[in-house]
Each structure stands twice: as C-alpha cells, then as structure tokens.
C-alpha cells in the first residue's frame, strides 16, 4: 500500500474506532488519521504474530485488524491520560 492509501485507511479506521469507542479525545482529524495508521500497523503486527493475517490493503480482514489495533491504542491512551 502506498502512503496515500495508508492515510485514507487511517482516516477510515480512526473514525470507525472513535465511533465504536466514543469519548473526549483531544485532537481533530490529524490525530484520528494518526491513530488509524498506527492502529493499522499494530493490528497487522498482532495479526501476523497470531497467524490471522496482515494489513495488506482494503479488505475486511485488514480493516478489522486495523480497527482492533486502533481501539487498543485508544484504550492505552485513555489509561495513560488518567
């Protein structure tokens, strides 16, 4: 995936993660994109470690792994923010 694809997927995944886990988080669209991109990397790493798959493009498994990674990042962020 190219850099533009990662940005678009990061935006989609970040928005979906924030919809699943709403709350007060600082930052706007840039932070949402960064959480989505980092979630994609984290989800891909965990998915490949567990043998589920990796984030390779715009398919259902990749999006679910990226959302899982983004949700994990949001949980950790909120725990550290307390």
N, C-alpha and C. Protein backbone atom coordinates (compact mmCIF):
# COMPACT_ATOMS: atom_id res chain seq x y z
N UNK A 1 0.84 -1.17 0.00
CA UNK A 1 0.00 0.00 0.00
C UNK A 1 0.89 1.23 0.00
N UNK A 2 0.48 2.22 -0.76
CA UNK A 2 1.21 3.47 -0.81
C UNK A 2 0.84 4.37 0.36
N UNK A 3 1.56 5.46 0.47
CA UNK A 3 1.36 6.38 1.59
C UNK A 3 -0.05 6.99 1.57
N UNK A 4 -0.56 7.29 0.39
CA UNK A 4 -1.91 7.85 0.30
C UNK A 4 -2.96 6.82 0.74
N UNK A 5 -2.73 5.57 0.40
CA UNK A 5 -3.64 4.51 0.83
C UNK A 5 -3.64 4.36 2.35
N UNK A 6 -2.45 4.46 2.96
CA UNK A 6 -2.36 4.38 4.42
C UNK A 6 -3.09 5.55 5.07
N UNK A 7 -2.99 6.73 4.50
CA UNK A 7 -3.67 7.90 5.05
C UNK A 7 -5.18 7.74 4.96
N UNK A 8 -5.67 7.29 3.80
CA UNK A 8 -7.11 7.10 3.63
C UNK A 8 -7.62 6.00 4.56
N UNK A 9 -6.89 4.90 4.62
CA UNK A 9 -7.31 3.82 5.51
C UNK A 9 -7.21 4.26 6.97
N UNK A 10 -6.19 5.03 7.30
CA UNK A 10 -6.06 5.55 8.66
C UNK A 10 -7.23 6.43 9.05
N UNK A 11 -7.68 7.26 8.13
CA UNK A 11 -8.84 8.11 8.40
C UNK A 11 -10.08 7.26 8.63
N UNK A 12 -10.31 6.30 7.76
CA UNK A 12 -11.49 5.43 7.89
C UNK A 12 -11.44 4.64 9.20
N UNK A 13 -10.31 4.04 9.47
CA UNK A 13 -10.16 3.22 10.67
C UNK A 13 -10.23 4.07 11.92
N UNK A 14 -9.61 5.24 11.91
CA UNK A 14 -9.66 6.13 13.07
C UNK A 14 -11.06 6.58 13.38
N UNK A 15 -11.83 6.93 12.36
CA UNK A 15 -13.21 7.35 12.55
C UNK A 15 -14.05 6.18 13.08
N UNK A 16 -13.88 5.00 12.51
CA UNK A 16 -14.63 3.83 12.97
C UNK A 16 -14.28 3.48 14.42
N UNK A 17 -13.01 3.59 14.78
CA UNK A 17 -12.60 3.29 16.15
C UNK A 17 -13.20 4.30 17.13
N UNK A 18 -13.24 5.56 16.73
CA UNK A 18 -13.83 6.57 17.62
C UNK A 18 -15.34 6.43 17.69
N UNK A 19 -15.98 5.92 16.64
CA UNK A 19 -17.42 5.66 16.70
C UNK A 19 -17.72 4.48 17.62
N UNK A 20 -16.86 3.47 17.59
CA UNK A 20 -17.06 2.30 18.43
C UNK A 20 -16.80 2.65 19.90
N UNK A 21 -15.79 3.49 20.13
CA UNK A 21 -15.40 3.85 21.49
C UNK A 21 -15.42 5.37 21.64
N UNK A 22 -16.61 5.96 21.76
CA UNK A 22 -16.68 7.42 21.84
C UNK A 22 -16.15 7.93 23.18
N UNK A 23 -15.79 9.17 23.19
CA UNK A 23 -15.30 9.80 24.41
C UNK A 23 -14.56 11.07 24.06
N UNK A 24 -14.11 11.76 25.08
CA UNK A 24 -13.38 13.00 24.86
C UNK A 24 -11.92 12.69 24.60
N UNK A 25 -11.51 12.90 23.39
CA UNK A 25 -10.12 12.74 23.00
C UNK A 25 -9.66 14.03 22.36
N UNK A 26 -8.49 14.52 22.75
CA UNK A 26 -8.01 15.75 22.11
C UNK A 26 -7.58 15.49 20.67
N UNK A 27 -7.56 16.52 19.91
CA UNK A 27 -7.12 16.39 18.53
C UNK A 27 -8.28 16.29 17.58
N UNK A 28 -8.00 16.58 16.37
CA UNK A 28 -9.03 16.55 15.35
C UNK A 28 -8.76 15.45 14.36
N UNK A 29 -8.88 15.81 13.10
CA UNK A 29 -8.76 14.83 12.03
C UNK A 29 -7.34 14.28 11.90
N UNK A 30 -6.34 15.09 12.20
CA UNK A 30 -4.95 14.63 12.09
C UNK A 30 -4.68 13.54 13.11
N UNK A 31 -5.12 13.75 14.35
CA UNK A 31 -4.93 12.73 15.39
C UNK A 31 -5.72 11.47 15.05
N UNK A 32 -6.92 11.64 14.50
CA UNK A 32 -7.73 10.50 14.10
C UNK A 32 -7.01 9.67 13.03
N UNK A 33 -6.41 10.35 12.04
CA UNK A 33 -5.66 9.66 10.99
C UNK A 33 -4.45 8.94 11.59
N UNK A 34 -3.73 9.62 12.48
CA UNK A 34 -2.54 9.01 13.07
C UNK A 34 -2.89 7.79 13.92
N UNK A 35 -3.99 7.87 14.68
CA UNK A 35 -4.43 6.72 15.45
C UNK A 35 -4.80 5.57 14.52
N UNK A 36 -5.47 5.88 13.42
CA UNK A 36 -5.85 4.85 12.46
C UNK A 36 -4.65 4.20 11.80
N UNK A 37 -3.67 5.00 11.40
CA UNK A 37 -2.47 4.45 10.76
C UNK A 37 -1.68 3.60 11.75
N UNK A 38 -1.47 4.13 12.97
CA UNK A 38 -0.76 3.37 13.99
C UNK A 38 -1.52 2.11 14.36
N UNK A 39 -2.85 2.21 14.39
CA UNK A 39 -3.67 1.03 14.65
C UNK A 39 -3.53 -0.02 13.57
N UNK A 40 -3.38 0.43 12.33
CA UNK A 40 -3.14 -0.50 11.23
C UNK A 40 -1.83 -1.25 11.39
N UNK A 41 -0.79 -0.52 11.76
CA UNK A 41 0.50 -1.17 11.99
C UNK A 41 0.42 -2.14 13.17
N UNK A 42 -0.19 -1.69 14.27
CA UNK A 42 -0.30 -2.53 15.45
C UNK A 42 -1.18 -3.75 15.17
N UNK A 43 -2.31 -3.55 14.53
CA UNK A 43 -3.20 -4.66 14.18
C UNK A 43 -2.54 -5.64 13.24
N UNK A 44 -1.78 -5.14 12.27
CA UNK A 44 -1.06 -6.01 11.35
C UNK A 44 0.01 -6.82 12.05
N UNK A 45 0.71 -6.19 12.99
CA UNK A 45 1.74 -6.89 13.74
C UNK A 45 1.13 -7.99 14.60
N UNK A 46 0.07 -7.65 15.34
CA UNK A 46 -0.59 -8.64 16.20
C UNK A 46 -1.22 -9.75 15.35
N UNK A 47 -1.85 -9.38 14.24
CA UNK A 47 -2.46 -10.37 13.36
C UNK A 47 -1.45 -11.34 12.77
N UNK A 48 -0.29 -10.82 12.36
CA UNK A 48 0.73 -11.72 11.81
C UNK A 48 1.35 -12.57 12.90
N UNK A 49 1.47 -12.03 14.11
CA UNK A 49 2.00 -12.80 15.23
C UNK A 49 1.07 -13.96 15.60
N UNK A 50 -0.24 -13.70 15.55
CA UNK A 50 -1.22 -14.74 15.88
C UNK A 50 -1.57 -15.63 14.70
N UNK A 51 -1.09 -15.30 13.50
CA UNK A 51 -1.36 -16.10 12.31
C UNK A 51 -2.70 -15.81 11.68
N UNK A 52 -3.32 -14.70 12.04
CA UNK A 52 -4.63 -14.34 11.48
C UNK A 52 -4.49 -13.74 10.09
N UNK A 53 -3.51 -12.89 9.92
CA UNK A 53 -3.28 -12.21 8.65
C UNK A 53 -2.58 -10.89 8.90
N UNK A 54 -2.44 -10.11 7.86
CA UNK A 54 -1.79 -8.81 7.98
C UNK A 54 -2.65 -7.76 7.30
N UNK A 55 -2.27 -6.51 7.51
CA UNK A 55 -2.95 -5.40 6.86
C UNK A 55 -2.27 -5.21 5.50
N UNK A 56 -2.92 -5.67 4.44
CA UNK A 56 -2.31 -5.63 3.11
C UNK A 56 -3.05 -4.75 2.13
N UNK A 57 -4.20 -4.28 2.47
CA UNK A 57 -4.97 -3.46 1.55
C UNK A 57 -6.36 -3.23 2.10
N UNK A 58 -7.24 -2.81 1.23
CA UNK A 58 -8.61 -2.54 1.63
C UNK A 58 -9.45 -3.81 1.50
N UNK A 59 -9.36 -4.68 2.49
CA UNK A 59 -10.23 -5.85 2.56
C UNK A 59 -10.74 -5.97 4.00
N UNK A 60 -11.69 -6.84 4.22
CA UNK A 60 -12.35 -6.93 5.51
C UNK A 60 -11.40 -7.30 6.64
N UNK A 61 -10.53 -8.26 6.41
CA UNK A 61 -9.59 -8.69 7.45
C UNK A 61 -8.65 -7.55 7.82
N UNK A 62 -8.14 -6.84 6.83
CA UNK A 62 -7.24 -5.72 7.09
C UNK A 62 -7.92 -4.62 7.89
N UNK A 63 -9.14 -4.29 7.52
CA UNK A 63 -9.86 -3.23 8.22
C UNK A 63 -10.17 -3.65 9.65
N UNK A 64 -10.59 -4.90 9.86
CA UNK A 64 -10.88 -5.37 11.21
C UNK A 64 -9.63 -5.40 12.09
N UNK A 65 -8.50 -5.83 11.52
CA UNK A 65 -7.25 -5.81 12.28
C UNK A 65 -6.83 -4.38 12.62
N UNK A 66 -6.98 -3.48 11.67
CA UNK A 66 -6.60 -2.09 11.91
C UNK A 66 -7.52 -1.45 12.96
N UNK A 67 -8.80 -1.74 12.91
CA UNK A 67 -9.73 -1.20 13.91
C UNK A 67 -9.38 -1.75 15.29
N UNK A 68 -9.07 -3.03 15.36
CA UNK A 68 -8.66 -3.63 16.64
C UNK A 68 -7.41 -2.96 17.20
N UNK A 69 -6.44 -2.70 16.34
CA UNK A 69 -5.23 -2.01 16.78
C UNK A 69 -5.51 -0.58 17.22
N UNK A 70 -6.38 0.12 16.49
CA UNK A 70 -6.72 1.49 16.86
C UNK A 70 -7.48 1.53 18.18
N UNK A 71 -8.39 0.57 18.39
CA UNK A 71 -9.11 0.51 19.66
C UNK A 71 -8.14 0.24 20.81
N UNK A 72 -7.18 -0.63 20.59
CA UNK A 72 -6.17 -0.91 21.61
C UNK A 72 -5.38 0.35 21.94
N UNK A 73 -5.02 1.12 20.91
CA UNK A 73 -4.30 2.36 21.14
C UNK A 73 -5.15 3.38 21.90
N UNK A 74 -6.43 3.46 21.58
CA UNK A 74 -7.32 4.37 22.30
C UNK A 74 -7.45 3.98 23.77
N UNK A 75 -7.54 2.69 24.04
CA UNK A 75 -7.63 2.21 25.43
C UNK A 75 -6.37 2.58 26.20
N UNK A 76 -5.20 2.31 25.61
CA UNK A 76 -3.94 2.63 26.27
C UNK A 76 -3.80 4.13 26.47
N UNK A 77 -4.18 4.91 25.48
CA UNK A 77 -4.11 6.37 25.57
C UNK A 77 -4.97 6.89 26.73
N UNK A 78 -6.19 6.36 26.82
CA UNK A 78 -7.11 6.83 27.87
C UNK A 78 -6.64 6.38 29.26
N UNK A 79 -6.02 5.20 29.34
CA UNK A 79 -5.48 4.77 30.63
C UNK A 79 -4.31 5.63 31.07
N UNK A 80 -3.46 6.00 30.11
CA UNK A 80 -2.32 6.86 30.44
C UNK A 80 -2.73 8.28 30.73
N UNK A 81 -3.82 8.72 30.14
CA UNK A 81 -4.28 10.09 30.29
C UNK A 81 -4.87 10.36 31.67
N UNK A 82 -5.36 9.31 32.36
CA UNK A 82 -5.97 9.47 33.68
C UNK A 82 -5.02 10.00 34.66
